[in-house]
């Protein structure tokens, strides 16, 4: 660990530690001092025209990634997991042996603060053991990883390897600690704060236990936004370094690398940090280019309202779920309808020709969609959870509500030469 790397190492240590302290202090104070709904919006976008401010339109859903089977932690582990050292990377077997032993020792560190203290002590020792205060030398000699550095006798190859290994482990621990704070905040009521800010939150208890089905679940439920830690720039740079490509980035970011490597449908919307002063009036997240938290966009999510020219009907709940999760099912082209069989689709190939729809919400919480003239029958999908209390009116006349896909709303619409209004009256 030479002088050039020492300053960058310290910067990383202090930056990560400061982020953790800021988040922890703010989260704890917020829930101790302000249990009532916040008086100000949860997100401060910096400008009304910020592209990510669409999250507050109340149509697309948001999820907290860690709530889904600890996926934030899973992605962090994929990014920062130790990579076995190749003996051919080293000039001597001795150097490879020392670096490998150091790599194993890093697993003993379970907190970023503990490892940061070790790295700081190591940097002082490497300037020369005689220059380090006796208490620093005593502390260093008792820490995991110290023996490999001392036994290296200043070998630059070993010291460079230990620097890289230690700082990758530090990034992993910082990431995990920040994820842990997000989970703590979630347990204290983050979902409620988001909903009071006009954001629809996807409950994690609705999701399948099978990790392989989660992407399809988010597609079907219209879950377009994610709050996570592993979407930030530092983590994405780490995953790109781990999967290099000479022509173009194969993985746009860490979430694509770990969760969606084939279609790569995750994009970073913005990063943000916690406003430490917001404890007086309610939690607030500020847009910040280098913030530790991220808002990610999942481009595969279905819109809140969509017309279909093709459907499968007459299905039991289990059969509909099995179909919806099957690899050959295309949610953007076909909708699965539970219960009563509907008339056979007249032009099943024309879903892509149908206009996009916009759902509007009244002050009472009801929903309205305007349907253009249609020369063939369609099914309207509305990605709100269906309940027996919902009612639907087409042109002022009550019409049956069908359960669609998993738990969404489906309405059969016969052909009509006139524009129609579909109104949904919430319970």
Protein backbone atom coordinates (compact mmCIF):
# COMPACT_ATOMS: atom_id res chain seq x y z
CA UNK A 1 0.00 0.00 0.00
CA UNK A 2 2.06 2.92 -1.33
CA UNK A 3 1.52 6.66 -0.77
CA UNK A 4 -0.62 7.01 -3.88
CA UNK A 5 -3.05 4.39 -2.75
CA UNK A 6 -3.00 5.45 0.89
CA UNK A 7 -4.84 8.74 0.29
CA UNK A 8 -7.46 7.13 -1.96
CA UNK A 9 -7.91 4.36 0.59
CA UNK A 10 -8.51 6.87 3.38
CA UNK A 11 -10.96 8.77 1.21
CA UNK A 12 -12.94 5.60 0.58
CA UNK A 13 -12.92 4.69 4.26
CA UNK A 14 -14.13 8.08 5.46
CA UNK A 15 -16.71 8.43 2.69
CA UNK A 16 -18.24 5.04 3.45
CA UNK A 17 -18.18 5.53 7.20
CA UNK A 18 -19.74 8.99 6.91
CA UNK A 19 -22.57 7.64 4.76
CA UNK A 20 -23.35 4.90 7.25
CA UNK A 21 -23.31 7.29 10.21
CA UNK A 22 -25.52 9.80 8.39
CA UNK A 23 -28.08 7.19 7.45
CA UNK A 24 -28.15 5.55 10.87
CA UNK A 25 -28.44 8.82 12.78
CA UNK A 26 -31.14 10.18 10.54
CA UNK A 27 -33.21 6.98 10.50
CA UNK A 28 -33.17 6.62 14.26
CA UNK A 29 -33.98 10.27 14.93
CA UNK A 30 -36.75 10.33 12.34
CA UNK A 31 -38.69 7.48 13.86
CA UNK A 32 -38.13 8.70 17.40
CA UNK A 33 -39.17 12.28 16.83
CA UNK A 34 -41.70 12.19 14.00
CA UNK A 35 -44.13 9.25 14.12
CA UNK A 36 -46.83 11.30 12.36
CA UNK A 37 -47.13 11.51 8.55
CA UNK A 38 -44.51 13.89 7.10
CA UNK A 39 -45.64 17.41 6.26
CA UNK A 40 -43.37 17.59 3.19
CA UNK A 41 -42.98 15.17 0.25
CA UNK A 42 -40.60 12.28 0.87
CA UNK A 43 -38.46 13.01 -2.23
CA UNK A 44 -36.73 16.31 -2.99
CA UNK A 45 -35.96 16.12 -6.71
CA UNK A 46 -34.04 19.36 -6.88
CA UNK A 47 -36.23 20.56 -9.77
CA UNK A 48 -39.88 19.85 -10.68
CA UNK A 49 -38.80 18.58 -14.11
CA UNK A 50 -36.43 15.90 -12.77
CA UNK A 51 -37.06 12.76 -14.91
CA UNK A 52 -37.35 10.51 -11.86
CA UNK A 53 -40.12 12.64 -10.34
CA UNK A 54 -42.59 10.52 -12.35
CA UNK A 55 -42.39 8.10 -9.45
CA UNK A 56 -44.89 10.26 -7.59
CA UNK A 57 -47.58 10.02 -10.27
CA UNK A 58 -49.31 7.20 -8.40
CA UNK A 59 -49.56 4.87 -11.41
CA UNK A 60 -46.38 2.78 -11.41
CA UNK A 61 -45.41 0.73 -8.40
CA UNK A 62 -42.22 0.90 -6.36
CA UNK A 63 -40.49 -1.86 -4.40
CA UNK A 64 -37.77 -1.88 -1.74
CA UNK A 65 -35.33 -4.42 -3.15
CA UNK A 66 -34.05 -5.82 0.15
CA UNK A 67 -37.61 -6.71 1.16
CA UNK A 68 -37.67 -9.36 -1.57
CA UNK A 69 -35.70 -12.26 -0.10
CA UNK A 70 -32.73 -9.99 0.76
CA UNK A 71 -32.03 -9.29 -2.92
CA UNK A 72 -30.05 -6.12 -2.22
CA UNK A 73 -27.65 -8.15 -0.09
CA UNK A 74 -27.54 -10.86 -2.75
CA UNK A 75 -26.52 -8.34 -5.43
CA UNK A 76 -23.87 -6.83 -3.14
CA UNK A 77 -22.41 -10.27 -2.50
CA UNK A 78 -22.32 -10.93 -6.25
CA UNK A 79 -20.47 -7.65 -6.82
CA UNK A 80 -17.95 -7.88 -4.02
CA UNK A 81 -17.55 -11.62 -3.46
CA UNK A 82 -13.85 -12.54 -3.16
CA UNK A 83 -12.31 -13.76 -6.39
CA UNK A 84 -9.90 -16.72 -6.02
CA UNK A 85 -6.35 -15.62 -6.71
CA UNK A 86 -4.56 -17.09 -9.71
CA UNK A 87 -0.99 -18.24 -8.97
CA UNK A 88 0.04 -17.01 -12.43
CA UNK A 89 -0.69 -13.45 -11.32
CA UNK A 90 2.30 -13.59 -8.96
CA UNK A 91 6.00 -13.79 -9.64
CA UNK A 92 6.61 -16.28 -6.83
CA UNK A 93 4.61 -19.01 -5.02
CA UNK A 94 5.46 -17.24 -1.75
CA UNK A 95 3.71 -14.02 -2.86
CA UNK A 96 0.63 -15.99 -3.95
CA UNK A 97 0.56 -17.85 -0.63
CA UNK A 98 0.71 -14.64 1.42
CA UNK A 99 -1.99 -12.90 -0.65
CA UNK A 100 -4.25 -15.98 -0.45
CA UNK A 101 -3.88 -16.12 3.32
CA UNK A 102 -4.70 -12.42 3.53
CA UNK A 103 -7.82 -12.99 1.41
CA UNK A 104 -9.00 -15.68 3.83
CA UNK A 105 -8.33 -13.41 6.82
CA UNK A 106 -10.57 -10.67 5.45
CA UNK A 107 -13.63 -12.86 6.08
CA UNK A 108 -13.05 -12.31 9.82
CA UNK A 109 -14.05 -8.64 9.48
CA UNK A 110 -17.79 -8.19 9.90
CA UNK A 111 -18.01 -4.40 10.15
CA UNK A 112 -16.72 -1.58 7.96
CA UNK A 113 -15.54 0.34 11.02
CA UNK A 114 -13.38 -2.55 12.20
CA UNK A 115 -11.81 -3.08 8.77
CA UNK A 116 -11.30 0.66 8.22
CA UNK A 117 -9.33 0.81 11.47
CA UNK A 118 -7.15 -2.08 10.31
CA UNK A 119 -6.49 -0.44 6.92
CA UNK A 120 -5.57 2.83 8.60
CA UNK A 121 -3.15 1.04 10.91
CA UNK A 122 -1.70 -0.92 7.98
CA UNK A 123 -0.99 2.29 6.10
CA UNK A 124 0.92 3.67 9.07
CA UNK A 125 2.91 0.47 9.44
CA UNK A 126 3.84 0.43 5.75
CA UNK A 127 5.47 3.84 6.05
CA UNK A 128 7.91 2.05 8.33
CA UNK A 129 7.26 0.10 11.54
CA UNK A 130 9.77 2.30 13.35
CA UNK A 131 7.71 5.42 12.54
CA UNK A 132 4.40 4.02 13.80
CA UNK A 133 3.39 4.70 17.42
CA UNK A 134 3.76 1.63 19.67
CA UNK A 135 0.00 1.42 20.27
CA UNK A 136 -0.64 1.32 16.50
CA UNK A 137 1.90 -1.48 16.03
CA UNK A 138 0.38 -3.44 18.92
CA UNK A 139 -3.16 -2.99 17.56
CA UNK A 140 -2.10 -3.93 14.03
CA UNK A 141 -0.28 -7.11 15.07
CA UNK A 142 -3.44 -8.42 16.75
CA UNK A 143 -5.69 -7.99 13.71
CA UNK A 144 -6.56 -10.62 11.07
CA UNK A 145 -4.45 -10.09 7.97
CA UNK A 146 -1.52 -8.42 9.72
CA UNK A 147 0.77 -11.46 9.58
CA UNK A 148 0.64 -11.68 5.79
CA UNK A 149 1.69 -8.03 5.50
CA UNK A 150 4.50 -8.40 8.04
CA UNK A 151 5.74 -11.63 6.44
CA UNK A 152 5.82 -9.95 3.02
CA UNK A 153 8.78 -7.83 4.18
CA UNK A 154 7.62 -4.98 2.00
CA UNK A 155 7.12 -7.00 -1.20
CA UNK A 156 5.28 -4.49 -3.49
CA UNK A 157 3.38 -7.24 -5.27
CA UNK A 158 1.94 -8.61 -2.03
CA UNK A 159 1.20 -5.15 -0.63
CA UNK A 160 -0.67 -4.10 -3.78
CA UNK A 161 -2.72 -7.31 -3.63
CA UNK A 162 -3.57 -6.81 0.03
CA UNK A 163 -4.63 -3.22 -0.65
CA UNK A 164 -7.05 -4.30 -3.38
CA UNK A 165 -8.42 -7.21 -1.35
CA UNK A 166 -8.92 -5.12 1.82
CA UNK A 167 -10.66 -2.28 0.00
CA UNK A 168 -12.97 -4.61 -1.90
CA UNK A 169 -13.96 -6.18 1.41
CA UNK A 170 -14.45 -2.67 2.84
CA UNK A 171 -16.78 -1.78 -0.03
CA UNK A 172 -18.72 -4.98 0.55
CA UNK A 173 -19.11 -4.27 4.28
CA UNK A 174 -20.12 -0.64 3.68
CA UNK A 175 -22.70 -1.81 1.16
CA UNK A 176 -24.12 -4.45 3.48
CA UNK A 177 -24.31 -2.01 6.40
CA UNK A 178 -26.19 0.54 4.31
CA UNK A 179 -28.54 -2.20 3.10
CA UNK A 180 -29.12 -3.19 6.71
CA UNK A 181 -30.13 0.38 7.49
CA UNK A 182 -32.57 0.39 4.56
CA UNK A 183 -34.12 -2.78 5.98
CA UNK A 184 -34.30 -1.19 9.42
CA UNK A 185 -36.04 1.82 7.94
CA UNK A 186 -38.42 -0.49 6.08
CA UNK A 187 -39.28 -2.30 9.30
CA UNK A 188 -40.04 1.07 10.91
CA UNK A 189 -42.54 2.10 8.25
CA UNK A 190 -40.84 3.33 5.07
CA UNK A 191 -43.59 1.79 2.91
CA UNK A 192 -46.21 3.88 4.70
CA UNK A 193 -44.18 7.05 4.20
CA UNK A 194 -43.86 6.28 0.50
CA UNK A 195 -47.60 5.70 0.14
CA UNK A 196 -48.36 8.96 1.93
CA UNK A 197 -46.16 10.62 -0.70
CA UNK A 198 -48.45 9.29 -3.45
CA UNK A 199 -46.39 6.23 -4.38
CA UNK A 200 -47.86 2.74 -4.77
CA UNK A 201 -45.63 0.19 -3.05
CA UNK A 202 -45.50 -3.46 -4.10
CA UNK A 203 -45.82 -5.63 -0.97
CA UNK A 204 -43.08 -8.22 -0.74
CA UNK A 205 -45.45 -10.78 0.79
CA UNK A 206 -47.22 -11.01 -2.59
CA UNK A 207 -44.06 -12.21 -4.33
CA UNK A 208 -43.15 -15.82 -5.09
CA UNK A 209 -40.47 -17.50 -3.01
CA UNK A 210 -38.66 -18.62 -6.16
CA UNK A 211 -35.99 -16.04 -7.10
CA UNK A 212 -36.35 -17.06 -10.72
CA UNK A 213 -39.94 -15.81 -10.81
CA UNK A 214 -39.35 -12.36 -9.33
CA UNK A 215 -38.64 -10.60 -12.62
CA UNK A 216 -41.92 -11.90 -14.02
CA UNK A 217 -43.72 -10.90 -10.81
CA UNK A 218 -42.43 -7.33 -11.17
CA UNK A 219 -43.46 -7.34 -14.82
CA UNK A 220 -47.00 -8.46 -14.05
CA UNK A 221 -47.53 -6.11 -11.11
CA UNK A 222 -46.23 -3.01 -12.90
CA UNK A 223 -43.35 -2.60 -10.43
CA UNK A 224 -41.28 -0.03 -12.28
CA UNK A 225 -39.15 1.56 -9.54
CA UNK A 226 -36.80 0.16 -6.89
CA UNK A 227 -35.09 1.68 -3.90
CA UNK A 228 -31.81 -0.08 -3.27
CA UNK A 229 -28.19 0.40 -2.34
CA UNK A 230 -26.58 -1.78 -5.00
CA UNK A 231 -27.78 0.46 -7.81
CA UNK A 232 -25.32 3.21 -6.90
CA UNK A 233 -22.42 4.18 -9.15
CA UNK A 234 -19.64 2.61 -7.08
CA UNK A 235 -21.32 -0.79 -7.04
CA UNK A 236 -22.08 -0.67 -10.75
CA UNK A 237 -18.46 0.21 -11.53
CA UNK A 238 -17.38 -2.80 -9.50
CA UNK A 239 -19.65 -5.13 -11.44
CA UNK A 240 -18.49 -3.71 -14.79
CA UNK A 241 -14.88 -4.31 -13.77
CA UNK A 242 -15.78 -7.88 -12.88
CA UNK A 243 -17.45 -8.52 -16.28
CA UNK A 244 -15.37 -6.55 -18.81
CA UNK A 245 -16.23 -6.49 -22.51
CA UNK A 246 -13.97 -5.00 -25.20
CA UNK A 247 -16.84 -3.73 -27.35
CA UNK A 248 -19.59 -2.39 -25.08
CA UNK A 249 -20.70 -2.81 -21.46
CA UNK A 250 -22.46 -6.14 -21.23
CA UNK A 251 -23.92 -5.18 -17.89
CA UNK A 252 -25.28 -1.68 -17.52
CA UNK A 253 -25.26 -1.94 -13.74
CA UNK A 254 -25.10 -4.34 -10.83
CA UNK A 255 -28.79 -5.25 -10.86
CA UNK A 256 -28.58 -6.33 -14.50
CA UNK A 257 -25.49 -8.40 -13.79
CA UNK A 258 -27.03 -10.25 -10.87
CA UNK A 259 -30.76 -10.30 -11.68
CA UNK A 260 -31.37 -9.68 -15.39
CA UNK A 261 -28.20 -10.48 -17.37
CA UNK A 262 -30.04 -11.49 -20.57
CA UNK A 263 -32.45 -8.60 -21.16
CA UNK A 264 -30.71 -5.97 -18.97
CA UNK A 265 -33.86 -4.00 -18.20
CA UNK A 266 -32.66 -2.11 -15.10
CA UNK A 267 -31.54 1.51 -15.46
CA UNK A 268 -30.40 4.03 -12.87
CA UNK A 269 -32.86 6.90 -12.47
CA UNK A 270 -31.03 8.84 -9.78
CA UNK A 271 -29.02 8.54 -6.59
CA UNK A 272 -29.99 10.21 -3.35
CA UNK A 273 -29.01 10.71 0.25
CA UNK A 274 -30.90 11.32 3.47
CA UNK A 275 -31.39 14.96 4.44
CA UNK A 276 -30.04 14.99 7.99
CA UNK A 277 -32.09 18.10 8.82
CA UNK A 278 -35.36 16.42 7.83
CA UNK A 279 -35.79 14.83 11.25
CA UNK A 280 -37.69 17.93 12.37
CA UNK A 281 -40.42 17.69 9.74
CA UNK A 282 -40.31 14.15 8.34
CA UNK A 283 -37.94 11.96 6.41
CA UNK A 284 -36.67 13.44 3.12
CA UNK A 285 -34.44 11.93 0.44
CA UNK A 286 -32.38 14.40 -1.58
CA UNK A 287 -31.14 13.84 -5.13
CA UNK A 288 -27.33 13.56 -4.96
CA UNK A 289 -24.98 12.43 -7.73
CA UNK A 290 -22.82 10.47 -5.32
CA UNK A 291 -25.54 9.44 -2.87
CA UNK A 292 -25.33 5.93 -1.36
CA UNK A 293 -28.94 5.02 -2.23
CA UNK A 294 -30.44 4.58 -5.66
CA UNK A 295 -33.74 4.76 -7.45
CA UNK A 296 -33.69 2.19 -10.25
CA UNK A 297 -36.11 1.79 -13.16
CA UNK A 298 -37.23 -1.65 -14.37
CA UNK A 299 -38.15 -1.24 -18.03
CA UNK A 300 -39.98 -4.57 -18.15
CA UNK A 301 -42.88 -3.47 -15.91
CA UNK A 302 -46.34 -3.42 -17.46
CA UNK A 303 -48.15 -0.05 -17.38
CA UNK A 304 -50.98 0.49 -14.93
CA UNK A 305 -53.52 0.26 -17.77
CA UNK A 306 -53.20 -1.69 -21.02
CA UNK A 307 -55.49 -3.02 -23.75
CA UNK A 308 -55.09 -6.57 -25.06
CA UNK A 309 -56.37 -8.17 -28.24
CA UNK A 310 -55.32 -11.63 -26.98
CA UNK A 311 -56.19 -13.44 -23.78
CA UNK A 312 -56.51 -16.85 -22.15
CA UNK A 313 -59.66 -17.22 -20.04
CA UNK A 314 -61.58 -19.77 -18.02
CA UNK A 315 -58.54 -20.45 -15.81
CA UNK A 316 -58.38 -21.38 -12.16
CA UNK A 317 -56.18 -19.19 -9.96
CA UNK A 318 -53.46 -21.86 -9.93
CA UNK A 319 -53.66 -22.38 -13.70
CA UNK A 320 -53.50 -18.62 -14.33
CA UNK A 321 -50.43 -18.27 -12.10
CA UNK A 322 -48.75 -21.26 -13.74
CA UNK A 323 -49.39 -19.74 -17.17
CA UNK A 324 -48.29 -16.25 -16.14
CA UNK A 325 -44.99 -17.54 -14.76
CA UNK A 326 -44.26 -19.90 -17.66
CA UNK A 327 -41.25 -18.93 -19.84
CA UNK A 328 -43.33 -18.83 -23.03
CA UNK A 329 -45.94 -16.40 -21.67
CA UNK A 330 -45.51 -12.85 -22.98
CA UNK A 331 -47.20 -10.43 -20.51
CA UNK A 332 -46.91 -7.52 -22.93
CA UNK A 333 -48.98 -9.38 -25.55
CA UNK A 334 -51.33 -11.75 -23.69
CA UNK A 335 -53.37 -11.52 -20.46
CA UNK A 336 -54.56 -14.47 -18.35
CA UNK A 337 -58.18 -14.25 -17.11
CA UNK A 338 -59.48 -16.23 -14.13
CA UNK A 339 -62.93 -17.78 -13.84
CA UNK A 340 -65.58 -17.41 -16.54
CA UNK A 341 -64.50 -17.98 -20.15
CA UNK A 342 -64.59 -14.89 -22.35
CA UNK A 343 -65.39 -14.84 -26.07
CA UNK A 344 -62.56 -16.01 -28.32
CA UNK A 345 -60.15 -13.22 -29.34
CA UNK A 346 -60.98 -11.93 -32.80
CA UNK A 347 -57.57 -10.49 -33.74
CA UNK A 348 -55.07 -11.90 -31.20
CA UNK A 349 -52.05 -10.61 -33.09
CA UNK A 350 -53.07 -6.96 -32.81
CA UNK A 351 -52.24 -6.16 -29.16
CA UNK A 352 -49.22 -4.17 -30.30
CA UNK A 353 -51.47 -2.03 -32.52
CA UNK A 354 -53.62 -0.82 -29.61
CA UNK A 355 -53.16 2.66 -28.18
CA UNK A 356 -51.51 3.26 -24.83
CA UNK A 357 -53.92 4.27 -22.09
CA UNK A 358 -53.70 6.72 -19.24
CA UNK A 359 -55.41 6.13 -15.90
CA UNK A 360 -56.52 9.22 -13.99
CA UNK A 361 -57.42 9.34 -10.33
CA UNK A 362 -60.21 11.44 -8.83
CA UNK A 363 -59.97 13.18 -5.49
CA UNK A 364 -62.04 10.36 -3.99
CA UNK A 365 -59.50 7.76 -5.12
CA UNK A 366 -61.54 6.33 -8.02
CA UNK A 367 -59.87 5.57 -11.36
CA UNK A 368 -60.92 6.50 -14.89
CA UNK A 369 -59.64 5.39 -18.32
CA UNK A 370 -60.76 6.61 -21.74
CA UNK A 371 -61.04 3.83 -24.35
CA UNK A 372 -60.73 4.83 -28.03
CA UNK A 373 -63.09 3.40 -30.67
CA UNK A 374 -62.27 -0.28 -31.35
CA UNK A 375 -63.33 -2.47 -34.24
CA UNK A 376 -62.80 -5.69 -32.30
CA UNK A 377 -63.19 -6.82 -28.70
CA UNK A 378 -60.39 -6.31 -26.19
CA UNK A 379 -59.55 -6.85 -22.54
CA UNK A 380 -58.55 -3.89 -20.39
CA UNK A 381 -55.93 -4.74 -17.77
CA UNK A 382 -55.61 -2.43 -14.76
CA UNK A 383 -52.69 -3.20 -12.51
CA UNK A 384 -54.46 -2.55 -9.23
CA UNK A 385 -55.04 -5.41 -6.83
CA UNK A 386 -58.56 -6.71 -7.37
CA UNK A 387 -60.93 -6.93 -4.38
CA UNK A 388 -64.63 -7.88 -4.25
CA UNK A 389 -65.51 -4.27 -3.35
CA UNK A 390 -64.31 -2.76 -6.63
CA UNK A 391 -66.97 -1.75 -9.15
CA UNK A 392 -66.54 -0.94 -12.83
CA UNK A 393 -68.74 1.20 -15.10
CA UNK A 394 -68.36 1.24 -18.89
CA UNK A 395 -70.20 4.20 -20.38
CA UNK A 396 -72.10 4.50 -17.12
CA UNK A 397 -73.24 0.84 -17.10
CA UNK A 398 -71.93 -1.61 -14.53
CA UNK A 399 -69.78 -4.39 -15.99
CA UNK A 400 -68.16 -7.51 -14.45
CA UNK A 401 -64.63 -7.31 -13.09
CA UNK A 402 -62.43 -10.31 -13.78
CA UNK A 403 -59.27 -11.25 -11.96
CA UNK A 404 -56.36 -11.01 -14.40
CA UNK A 405 -52.82 -12.45 -14.37
CA UNK A 406 -52.07 -12.70 -10.64
CA UNK A 407 -54.34 -10.26 -8.78
CA UNK A 408 -54.96 -7.48 -11.29
CA UNK A 409 -58.27 -6.18 -12.71
CA UNK A 410 -59.54 -7.31 -16.10
CA UNK A 411 -62.52 -5.86 -18.03
CA UNK A 412 -63.91 -7.34 -21.23
CA UNK A 413 -64.75 -4.64 -23.77
CA UNK A 414 -66.83 -5.51 -26.87
CA UNK A 415 -66.07 -3.66 -30.09
CA UNK A 416 -67.44 -0.13 -30.24
CA UNK A 417 -67.38 2.61 -32.85
CA UNK A 418 -67.52 5.23 -30.09
CA UNK A 419 -65.08 6.36 -27.45
CA UNK A 420 -65.94 4.99 -24.01
CA UNK A 421 -65.06 5.90 -20.45
CA UNK A 422 -64.31 3.12 -17.96
CA UNK A 423 -64.71 4.15 -14.34
CA UNK A 424 -63.46 2.14 -11.38
CA UNK A 425 -64.96 2.87 -8.01
CA UNK A 426 -62.63 1.89 -5.21
CA UNK A 427 -63.96 0.45 -1.95
